[in-house]
Amino acid sequence: MPGDKIKHPSPAEAFELATKHAALLRALFLHPRYKYLQPPTADFIKPDTDQTPKPLFFVADFVQNTYINYVIPFLPAGATRKCKAVANPWAWSDPNYKWGWEWDAETSTLKDAEGKVQEFPKHPEKFAVGKIGDIFGRGFMTSKIVLENGTDPKARLMVGGQSFDFGEEVGRLVKDTYPM
Protein backbone atom coordinates (compact mmCIF):
# COMPACT_ATOMS: atom_id res chain seq x y z
CA MET A 1 0.00 0.00 0.00
CA PRO A 2 1.41 3.39 -0.89
CA GLY A 3 2.28 5.88 1.83
CA ASP A 4 2.87 5.38 5.51
CA LYS A 5 -0.75 5.04 6.64
CA ILE A 6 -2.29 1.60 6.94
CA LYS A 7 -5.85 1.86 5.67
CA HIS A 8 -8.62 0.04 3.87
CA PRO A 9 -7.33 -0.92 0.40
CA SER A 10 -8.96 0.54 -2.69
CA PRO A 11 -10.39 -2.00 -5.17
CA ALA A 12 -7.20 -1.69 -7.26
CA GLU A 13 -5.00 -2.25 -4.19
CA ALA A 14 -7.10 -5.20 -3.03
CA PHE A 15 -7.01 -6.78 -6.49
CA GLU A 16 -3.24 -6.29 -6.77
CA LEU A 17 -2.74 -7.84 -3.33
CA ALA A 18 -4.91 -10.79 -4.35
CA THR A 19 -3.19 -11.35 -7.73
CA LYS A 20 0.22 -11.32 -6.07
CA HIS A 21 -0.90 -13.84 -3.45
CA ALA A 22 -2.52 -16.04 -6.10
CA ALA A 23 0.72 -16.06 -8.12
CA LEU A 24 2.73 -16.96 -5.01
CA LEU A 25 0.30 -19.76 -4.18
CA ARG A 26 0.66 -21.15 -7.72
CA ALA A 27 4.44 -21.17 -7.35
CA LEU A 28 4.22 -22.96 -4.00
CA PHE A 29 1.48 -25.52 -4.71
CA LEU A 30 2.72 -26.25 -8.24
CA HIS A 31 6.36 -26.46 -7.07
CA PRO A 32 7.93 -29.65 -8.47
CA ARG A 33 8.64 -30.97 -4.97
CA TYR A 34 5.07 -30.46 -3.72
CA LYS A 35 3.46 -33.90 -3.95
CA TYR A 36 -0.17 -35.03 -3.92
CA LEU A 37 -1.83 -38.34 -3.02
CA GLN A 38 -4.16 -37.89 -6.00
CA PRO A 39 -4.24 -35.36 -8.83
CA PRO A 40 -5.55 -32.05 -7.47
CA THR A 41 -8.67 -30.44 -8.90
CA ALA A 42 -10.20 -26.97 -8.58
CA ASP A 43 -12.40 -28.32 -5.78
CA PHE A 44 -10.23 -30.84 -3.91
CA ILE A 45 -6.57 -31.39 -3.04
CA LYS A 46 -4.96 -34.05 -0.91
CA PRO A 47 -1.29 -33.28 -0.25
CA ASP A 48 1.19 -36.07 0.31
CA THR A 49 2.69 -34.82 3.57
CA ASP A 50 5.22 -37.65 3.66
CA GLN A 51 6.73 -36.78 0.26
CA THR A 52 6.39 -32.97 0.33
CA PRO A 53 9.28 -31.27 2.15
CA LYS A 54 7.99 -29.91 5.46
CA PRO A 55 9.20 -26.32 4.86
CA LEU A 56 7.38 -26.23 1.49
CA PHE A 57 4.21 -27.69 2.97
CA PHE A 58 4.28 -25.28 5.93
CA VAL A 59 4.88 -22.15 3.84
CA ALA A 60 2.25 -23.11 1.24
CA ASP A 61 -0.29 -23.69 4.01
CA PHE A 62 0.68 -20.47 5.80
CA VAL A 63 0.41 -18.35 2.65
CA GLN A 64 -2.87 -20.05 1.71
CA ASN A 65 -4.30 -19.22 5.15
CA THR A 66 -3.07 -15.64 4.77
CA TYR A 67 -4.84 -15.43 1.43
CA ILE A 68 -8.09 -17.01 2.62
CA ASN A 69 -8.39 -15.22 5.96
CA TYR A 70 -6.81 -11.82 5.30
CA VAL A 71 -6.81 -11.05 1.55
CA ILE A 72 -10.02 -12.60 0.19
CA PRO A 73 -12.24 -10.57 2.56
CA PHE A 74 -11.33 -7.49 0.48
CA LEU A 75 -12.61 -9.10 -2.76
CA PRO A 76 -16.18 -9.38 -4.07
CA ALA A 77 -17.83 -12.61 -2.94
CA GLY A 78 -16.98 -15.45 -5.32
CA ALA A 79 -14.05 -13.68 -6.98
CA THR A 80 -11.63 -16.58 -6.49
CA ARG A 81 -14.03 -18.89 -8.35
CA LYS A 82 -14.93 -16.45 -11.13
CA CYS A 83 -11.75 -14.50 -11.94
CA LYS A 84 -8.67 -16.41 -13.11
CA ALA A 85 -6.18 -13.81 -11.87
CA VAL A 86 -7.13 -14.48 -8.23
CA ALA A 87 -8.04 -18.18 -8.52
CA ASN A 88 -6.64 -21.16 -6.68
CA PRO A 89 -3.73 -22.87 -8.46
CA TRP A 90 -5.73 -25.90 -9.61
CA ALA A 91 -8.65 -23.97 -11.13
CA TRP A 92 -6.10 -21.61 -12.72
CA SER A 93 -4.31 -24.60 -14.31
CA ASP A 94 -7.50 -26.24 -15.60
CA PRO A 95 -7.99 -25.30 -19.29
CA ASN A 96 -11.68 -26.28 -19.05
CA TYR A 97 -12.51 -24.14 -16.02
CA LYS A 98 -15.07 -21.45 -16.88
CA TRP A 99 -14.22 -17.90 -15.83
CA GLY A 100 -16.89 -15.22 -15.70
CA TRP A 101 -15.17 -12.10 -14.37
CA GLU A 102 -12.30 -9.96 -15.68
CA TRP A 103 -10.32 -7.12 -14.15
CA ASP A 104 -10.65 -3.84 -16.05
CA ALA A 105 -7.43 -1.97 -15.28
CA GLU A 106 -8.66 1.25 -16.96
CA THR A 107 -11.57 1.61 -14.56
CA SER A 108 -10.14 -0.39 -11.62
CA THR A 109 -13.22 -2.61 -11.60
CA LEU A 110 -14.01 -6.28 -11.72
CA LYS A 111 -16.67 -7.00 -14.34
CA ASP A 112 -18.75 -10.01 -15.26
CA ALA A 113 -19.24 -11.22 -18.85
CA GLU A 114 -22.09 -8.73 -19.38
CA GLY A 115 -19.95 -5.82 -18.17
CA LYS A 116 -21.65 -5.50 -14.78
CA VAL A 117 -19.29 -4.14 -12.15
CA GLN A 118 -18.78 -6.39 -9.12
CA GLU A 119 -18.71 -4.31 -5.97
CA PHE A 120 -15.75 -4.65 -3.63
CA PRO A 121 -16.69 -4.81 0.06
CA LYS A 122 -16.11 -1.77 2.24
CA HIS A 123 -15.26 -2.91 5.74
CA PRO A 124 -15.08 -0.79 8.89
CA GLU A 125 -11.67 0.87 9.07
CA LYS A 126 -10.68 -0.95 12.28
CA PHE A 127 -11.42 -4.34 10.66
CA ALA A 128 -9.52 -3.38 7.50
CA VAL A 129 -6.48 -2.04 9.36
CA GLY A 130 -6.37 -5.22 11.46
CA LYS A 131 -6.47 -7.44 8.36
CA ILE A 132 -3.82 -5.39 6.53
CA GLY A 133 -1.62 -5.37 9.64
CA ASP A 134 -1.90 -9.15 9.82
CA ILE A 135 -0.98 -9.44 6.13
CA PHE A 136 2.16 -7.37 6.78
CA GLY A 137 3.11 -9.48 9.81
CA ARG A 138 2.46 -12.77 8.05
CA GLY A 139 4.33 -11.46 5.00
CA PHE A 140 7.35 -10.63 7.15
CA MET A 141 7.33 -14.16 8.57
CA THR A 142 6.93 -15.71 5.09
CA SER A 143 9.79 -13.61 3.72
CA LYS A 144 12.04 -14.52 6.63
CA ILE A 145 11.38 -18.23 6.19
CA VAL A 146 11.62 -18.40 2.39
CA LEU A 147 14.52 -16.02 1.89
CA GLU A 148 16.63 -16.71 5.00
CA ASN A 149 16.02 -20.29 6.16
CA GLY A 150 19.40 -21.33 4.74
CA THR A 151 21.33 -18.69 6.70
CA ASP A 152 19.23 -17.83 9.76
CA PRO A 153 18.78 -20.62 12.33
CA LYS A 154 15.63 -18.93 13.70
CA ALA A 155 14.02 -18.94 10.25
CA ARG A 156 15.02 -22.58 9.82
CA LEU A 157 13.50 -23.48 13.21
CA MET A 158 10.16 -22.00 12.10
CA VAL A 159 9.92 -24.76 9.48
CA GLY A 160 11.07 -27.70 11.56
CA GLY A 161 14.83 -27.19 11.54
CA GLN A 162 15.46 -28.16 7.91
CA SER A 163 16.74 -25.67 5.38
CA PHE A 164 14.95 -25.69 2.04
CA ASP A 165 15.68 -23.92 -1.24
CA PHE A 166 12.31 -22.69 -2.48
CA GLY A 167 13.83 -21.67 -5.81
CA GLU A 168 14.21 -18.39 -7.67
CA GLU A 169 10.55 -18.06 -8.72
CA VAL A 170 9.17 -18.42 -5.20
CA GLY A 171 11.84 -16.06 -3.85
CA ARG A 172 11.01 -13.44 -6.49
CA LEU A 173 7.27 -13.75 -5.85
CA VAL A 174 7.75 -13.49 -2.07
CA LYS A 175 9.72 -10.25 -2.58
CA ASP A 176 7.01 -8.94 -4.92
CA THR A 177 4.10 -9.96 -2.67
CA TYR A 178 5.68 -8.79 0.58
CA PRO A 179 8.05 -5.92 -0.19
CA MET A 180 9.96 -4.94 2.93
C-alpha atoms as a PDB file:
ATOM      1  CA  MET A   1       0.000   0.000   0.000  1.00  0.00           C
ATOM      2  CA  PRO A   2       1.415   3.390  -0.891  1.00  0.00           C
ATOM      3  CA  GLY A   3       2.276   5.881   1.826  1.00  0.00           C
ATOM      4  CA  ASP A   4       2.874   5.380   5.506  1.00  0.00           C
ATOM      5  CA  LYS A   5      -0.753   5.044   6.636  1.00  0.00           C
ATOM      6  CA  ILE A   6      -2.288   1.601   6.943  1.00  0.00           C
ATOM      7  CA  LYS A   7      -5.850   1.864   5.667  1.00  0.00           C
ATOM      8  CA  HIS A   8      -8.620   0.038   3.874  1.00  0.00           C
ATOM      9  CA  PRO A   9      -7.333  -0.919   0.396  1.00  0.00           C
ATOM     10  CA  SER A  10      -8.964   0.538  -2.689  1.00  0.00           C
ATOM     11  CA  PRO A  11     -10.388  -1.998  -5.167  1.00  0.00           C
ATOM     12  CA  ALA A  12      -7.195  -1.686  -7.256  1.00  0.00           C
ATOM     13  CA  GLU A  13      -4.996  -2.250  -4.189  1.00  0.00           C
ATOM     14  CA  ALA A  14      -7.104  -5.205  -3.029  1.00  0.00           C
ATOM     15  CA  PHE A  15      -7.009  -6.778  -6.490  1.00  0.00           C
ATOM     16  CA  GLU A  16      -3.238  -6.294  -6.773  1.00  0.00           C
ATOM     17  CA  LEU A  17      -2.735  -7.836  -3.329  1.00  0.00           C
ATOM     18  CA  ALA A  18      -4.909 -10.788  -4.355  1.00  0.00           C
ATOM     19  CA  THR A  19      -3.194 -11.347  -7.725  1.00  0.00           C
ATOM     20  CA  LYS A  20       0.219 -11.317  -6.065  1.00  0.00           C
ATOM     21  CA  HIS A  21      -0.904 -13.841  -3.448  1.00  0.00           C
ATOM     22  CA  ALA A  22      -2.524 -16.045  -6.103  1.00  0.00           C
ATOM     23  CA  ALA A  23       0.722 -16.061  -8.124  1.00  0.00           C
ATOM     24  CA  LEU A  24       2.735 -16.957  -5.015  1.00  0.00           C
ATOM     25  CA  LEU A  25       0.297 -19.755  -4.178  1.00  0.00           C
ATOM     26  CA  ARG A  26       0.655 -21.152  -7.716  1.00  0.00           C
ATOM     27  CA  ALA A  27       4.440 -21.173  -7.351  1.00  0.00           C
ATOM     28  CA  LEU A  28       4.218 -22.964  -3.996  1.00  0.00           C
ATOM     29  CA  PHE A  29       1.481 -25.524  -4.713  1.00  0.00           C
ATOM     30  CA  LEU A  30       2.721 -26.251  -8.241  1.00  0.00           C
ATOM     31  CA  HIS A  31       6.363 -26.458  -7.073  1.00  0.00           C
ATOM     32  CA  PRO A  32       7.929 -29.651  -8.472  1.00  0.00           C
ATOM     33  CA  ARG A  33       8.637 -30.967  -4.968  1.00  0.00           C
ATOM     34  CA  TYR A  34       5.069 -30.457  -3.717  1.00  0.00           C
ATOM     35  CA  LYS A  35       3.458 -33.902  -3.952  1.00  0.00           C
ATOM     36  CA  TYR A  36      -0.172 -35.031  -3.924  1.00  0.00           C
ATOM     37  CA  LEU A  37      -1.829 -38.337  -3.019  1.00  0.00           C
ATOM     38  CA  GLN A  38      -4.156 -37.888  -6.002  1.00  0.00           C
ATOM     39  CA  PRO A  39      -4.243 -35.362  -8.830  1.00  0.00           C
ATOM     40  CA  PRO A  40      -5.545 -32.045  -7.470  1.00  0.00           C
ATOM     41  CA  THR A  41      -8.674 -30.442  -8.903  1.00  0.00           C
ATOM     42  CA  ALA A  42     -10.196 -26.973  -8.578  1.00  0.00           C
ATOM     43  CA  ASP A  43     -12.395 -28.318  -5.776  1.00  0.00           C
ATOM     44  CA  PHE A  44     -10.227 -30.840  -3.908  1.00  0.00           C
ATOM     45  CA  ILE A  45      -6.575 -31.390  -3.043  1.00  0.00           C
ATOM     46  CA  LYS A  46      -4.962 -34.054  -0.914  1.00  0.00           C
ATOM     47  CA  PRO A  47      -1.291 -33.275  -0.246  1.00  0.00           C
ATOM     48  CA  ASP A  48       1.193 -36.071   0.315  1.00  0.00           C
ATOM     49  CA  THR A  49       2.687 -34.822   3.567  1.00  0.00           C
ATOM     50  CA  ASP A  50       5.217 -37.652   3.663  1.00  0.00           C
ATOM     51  CA  GLN A  51       6.732 -36.782   0.258  1.00  0.00           C
ATOM     52  CA  THR A  52       6.390 -32.974   0.332  1.00  0.00           C
ATOM     53  CA  PRO A  53       9.285 -31.272   2.155  1.00  0.00           C
ATOM     54  CA  LYS A  54       7.993 -29.907   5.463  1.00  0.00           C
ATOM     55  CA  PRO A  55       9.196 -26.317   4.857  1.00  0.00           C
ATOM     56  CA  LEU A  56       7.383 -26.229   1.492  1.00  0.00           C
ATOM     57  CA  PHE A  57       4.210 -27.692   2.975  1.00  0.00           C
ATOM     58  CA  PHE A  58       4.281 -25.277   5.925  1.00  0.00           C
ATOM     59  CA  VAL A  59       4.879 -22.151   3.844  1.00  0.00           C
ATOM     60  CA  ALA A  60       2.254 -23.113   1.237  1.00  0.00           C
ATOM     61  CA  ASP A  61      -0.291 -23.693   4.008  1.00  0.00           C
ATOM     62  CA  PHE A  62       0.679 -20.470   5.803  1.00  0.00           C
ATOM     63  CA  VAL A  63       0.407 -18.347   2.647  1.00  0.00           C
ATOM     64  CA  GLN A  64      -2.866 -20.050   1.707  1.00  0.00           C
ATOM     65  CA  ASN A  65      -4.299 -19.220   5.146  1.00  0.00           C
ATOM     66  CA  THR A  66      -3.071 -15.639   4.773  1.00  0.00           C
ATOM     67  CA  TYR A  67      -4.843 -15.427   1.432  1.00  0.00           C
ATOM     68  CA  ILE A  68      -8.095 -17.005   2.620  1.00  0.00           C
ATOM     69  CA  ASN A  69      -8.394 -15.222   5.961  1.00  0.00           C
ATOM     70  CA  TYR A  70      -6.810 -11.820   5.301  1.00  0.00           C
ATOM     71  CA  VAL A  71      -6.814 -11.047   1.552  1.00  0.00           C
ATOM     72  CA  ILE A  72     -10.021 -12.595   0.185  1.00  0.00           C
ATOM     73  CA  PRO A  73     -12.241 -10.569   2.559  1.00  0.00           C
ATOM     74  CA  PHE A  74     -11.331  -7.488   0.476  1.00  0.00           C
ATOM     75  CA  LEU A  75     -12.614  -9.096  -2.764  1.00  0.00           C
ATOM     76  CA  PRO A  76     -16.178  -9.376  -4.066  1.00  0.00           C
ATOM     77  CA  ALA A  77     -17.834 -12.609  -2.942  1.00  0.00           C
ATOM     78  CA  GLY A  78     -16.983 -15.448  -5.322  1.00  0.00           C
ATOM     79  CA  ALA A  79     -14.051 -13.675  -6.977  1.00  0.00           C
ATOM     80  CA  THR A  80     -11.633 -16.580  -6.493  1.00  0.00           C
ATOM     81  CA  ARG A  81     -14.034 -18.894  -8.354  1.00  0.00           C
ATOM     82  CA  LYS A  82     -14.929 -16.450 -11.130  1.00  0.00           C
ATOM     83  CA  CYS A  83     -11.749 -14.500 -11.936  1.00  0.00           C
ATOM     84  CA  LYS A  84      -8.670 -16.412 -13.115  1.00  0.00           C
ATOM     85  CA  ALA A  85      -6.179 -13.811 -11.871  1.00  0.00           C
ATOM     86  CA  VAL A  86      -7.127 -14.481  -8.230  1.00  0.00           C
ATOM     87  CA  ALA A  87      -8.042 -18.175  -8.517  1.00  0.00           C
ATOM     88  CA  ASN A  88      -6.643 -21.165  -6.683  1.00  0.00           C
ATOM     89  CA  PRO A  89      -3.726 -22.874  -8.460  1.00  0.00           C
ATOM     90  CA  TRP A  90      -5.732 -25.901  -9.611  1.00  0.00           C
ATOM     91  CA  ALA A  91      -8.650 -23.970 -11.127  1.00  0.00           C
ATOM     92  CA  TRP A  92      -6.097 -21.608 -12.722  1.00  0.00           C
ATOM     93  CA  SER A  93      -4.307 -24.602 -14.307  1.00  0.00           C
ATOM     94  CA  ASP A  94      -7.504 -26.236 -15.601  1.00  0.00           C
ATOM     95  CA  PRO A  95      -7.991 -25.297 -19.286  1.00  0.00           C
ATOM     96  CA  ASN A  96     -11.685 -26.278 -19.051  1.00  0.00           C
ATOM     97  CA  TYR A  97     -12.509 -24.144 -16.016  1.00  0.00           C
ATOM     98  CA  LYS A  98     -15.074 -21.447 -16.884  1.00  0.00           C
ATOM     99  CA  TRP A  99     -14.217 -17.902 -15.834  1.00  0.00           C
ATOM    100  CA  GLY A 100     -16.889 -15.221 -15.697  1.00  0.00           C
ATOM    101  CA  TRP A 101     -15.173 -12.104 -14.368  1.00  0.00           C
ATOM    102  CA  GLU A 102     -12.304  -9.963 -15.683  1.00  0.00           C
ATOM    103  CA  TRP A 103     -10.319  -7.120 -14.146  1.00  0.00           C
ATOM    104  CA  ASP A 104     -10.647  -3.844 -16.046  1.00  0.00           C
ATOM    105  CA  ALA A 105      -7.432  -1.968 -15.278  1.00  0.00           C
ATOM    106  CA  GLU A 106      -8.658   1.245 -16.962  1.00  0.00           C
ATOM    107  CA  THR A 107     -11.573   1.609 -14.556  1.00  0.00           C
ATOM    108  CA  SER A 108     -10.137  -0.395 -11.623  1.00  0.00           C
ATOM    109  CA  THR A 109     -13.216  -2.608 -11.595  1.00  0.00           C
ATOM    110  CA  LEU A 110     -14.006  -6.281 -11.716  1.00  0.00           C
ATOM    111  CA  LYS A 111     -16.667  -6.996 -14.338  1.00  0.00           C
ATOM    112  CA  ASP A 112     -18.752 -10.010 -15.259  1.00  0.00           C
ATOM    113  CA  ALA A 113     -19.237 -11.224 -18.854  1.00  0.00           C
ATOM    114  CA  GLU A 114     -22.089  -8.726 -19.376  1.00  0.00           C
ATOM    115  CA  GLY A 115     -19.948  -5.822 -18.171  1.00  0.00           C
ATOM    116  CA  LYS A 116     -21.652  -5.503 -14.784  1.00  0.00           C
ATOM    117  CA  VAL A 117     -19.288  -4.142 -12.149  1.00  0.00           C
ATOM    118  CA  GLN A 118     -18.782  -6.389  -9.124  1.00  0.00           C
ATOM    119  CA  GLU A 119     -18.706  -4.306  -5.967  1.00  0.00           C
ATOM    120  CA  PHE A 120     -15.754  -4.647  -3.631  1.00  0.00           C
ATOM    121  CA  PRO A 121     -16.686  -4.806   0.061  1.00  0.00           C
ATOM    122  CA  LYS A 122     -16.107  -1.775   2.241  1.00  0.00           C
ATOM    123  CA  HIS A 123     -15.256  -2.908   5.745  1.00  0.00           C
ATOM    124  CA  PRO A 124     -15.081  -0.785   8.887  1.00  0.00           C
ATOM    125  CA  GLU A 125     -11.666   0.870   9.067  1.00  0.00           C
ATOM    126  CA  LYS A 126     -10.682  -0.947  12.279  1.00  0.00           C
ATOM    127  CA  PHE A 127     -11.421  -4.335  10.658  1.00  0.00           C
ATOM    128  CA  ALA A 128      -9.518  -3.380   7.500  1.00  0.00           C
ATOM    129  CA  VAL A 129      -6.479  -2.041   9.360  1.00  0.00           C
ATOM    130  CA  GLY A 130      -6.371  -5.223  11.457  1.00  0.00           C
ATOM    131  CA  LYS A 131      -6.467  -7.442   8.359  1.00  0.00           C
ATOM    132  CA  ILE A 132      -3.819  -5.387   6.533  1.00  0.00           C
ATOM    133  CA  GLY A 133      -1.617  -5.369   9.636  1.00  0.00           C
ATOM    134  CA  ASP A 134      -1.897  -9.154   9.820  1.00  0.00           C
ATOM    135  CA  ILE A 135      -0.980  -9.436   6.126  1.00  0.00           C
ATOM    136  CA  PHE A 136       2.164  -7.370   6.776  1.00  0.00           C
ATOM    137  CA  GLY A 137       3.108  -9.479   9.811  1.00  0.00           C
ATOM    138  CA  ARG A 138       2.463 -12.769   8.046  1.00  0.00           C
ATOM    139  CA  GLY A 139       4.325 -11.462   5.002  1.00  0.00           C
ATOM    140  CA  PHE A 140       7.350 -10.632   7.151  1.00  0.00           C
ATOM    141  CA  MET A 141       7.330 -14.163   8.567  1.00  0.00           C
ATOM    142  CA  THR A 142       6.934 -15.713   5.092  1.00  0.00           C
ATOM    143  CA  SER A 143       9.788 -13.605   3.724  1.00  0.00           C
ATOM    144  CA  LYS A 144      12.044 -14.516   6.627  1.00  0.00           C
ATOM    145  CA  ILE A 145      11.376 -18.234   6.193  1.00  0.00           C
ATOM    146  CA  VAL A 146      11.622 -18.399   2.390  1.00  0.00           C
ATOM    147  CA  LEU A 147      14.523 -16.017   1.893  1.00  0.00           C
ATOM    148  CA  GLU A 148      16.626 -16.707   5.005  1.00  0.00           C
ATOM    149  CA  ASN A 149      16.025 -20.291   6.157  1.00  0.00           C
ATOM    150  CA  GLY A 150      19.401 -21.328   4.741  1.00  0.00           C
ATOM    151  CA  THR A 151      21.327 -18.687   6.701  1.00  0.00           C
ATOM    152  CA  ASP A 152      19.225 -17.831   9.765  1.00  0.00           C
ATOM    153  CA  PRO A 153      18.785 -20.625  12.325  1.00  0.00           C
ATOM    154  CA  LYS A 154      15.629 -18.932  13.700  1.00  0.00           C
ATOM    155  CA  ALA A 155      14.021 -18.939  10.254  1.00  0.00           C
ATOM    156  CA  ARG A 156      15.023 -22.583   9.821  1.00  0.00           C
ATOM    157  CA  LEU A 157      13.502 -23.482  13.210  1.00  0.00           C
ATOM    158  CA  MET A 158      10.158 -22.005  12.104  1.00  0.00           C
ATOM    159  CA  VAL A 159       9.922 -24.765   9.480  1.00  0.00           C
ATOM    160  CA  GLY A 160      11.073 -27.702  11.563  1.00  0.00           C
ATOM    161  CA  GLY A 161      14.827 -27.193  11.544  1.00  0.00           C
ATOM    162  CA  GLN A 162      15.456 -28.157   7.906  1.00  0.00           C
ATOM    163  CA  SER A 163      16.743 -25.668   5.381  1.00  0.00           C
ATOM    164  CA  PHE A 164      14.954 -25.687   2.040  1.00  0.00           C
ATOM    165  CA  ASP A 165      15.684 -23.925  -1.235  1.00  0.00           C
ATOM    166  CA  PHE A 166      12.305 -22.686  -2.477  1.00  0.00           C
ATOM    167  CA  GLY A 167      13.830 -21.667  -5.812  1.00  0.00           C
ATOM    168  CA  GLU A 168      14.206 -18.392  -7.667  1.00  0.00           C
ATOM    169  CA  GLU A 169      10.552 -18.060  -8.722  1.00  0.00           C
ATOM    170  CA  VAL A 170       9.171 -18.421  -5.195  1.00  0.00           C
ATOM    171  CA  GLY A 171      11.838 -16.062  -3.855  1.00  0.00           C
ATOM    172  CA  ARG A 172      11.014 -13.443  -6.489  1.00  0.00           C
ATOM    173  CA  LEU A 173       7.274 -13.748  -5.847  1.00  0.00           C
ATOM    174  CA  VAL A 174       7.746 -13.486  -2.072  1.00  0.00           C
ATOM    175  CA  LYS A 175       9.716 -10.245  -2.580  1.00  0.00           C
ATOM    176  CA  ASP A 176       7.014  -8.939  -4.924  1.00  0.00           C
ATOM    177  CA  THR A 177       4.096  -9.960  -2.670  1.00  0.00           C
ATOM    178  CA  TYR A 178       5.676  -8.793   0.576  1.00  0.00           C
ATOM    179  CA  PRO A 179       8.054  -5.916  -0.192  1.00  0.00           C
ATOM    180  CA  MET A 180       9.958  -4.940   2.933  1.00  0.00           C
END
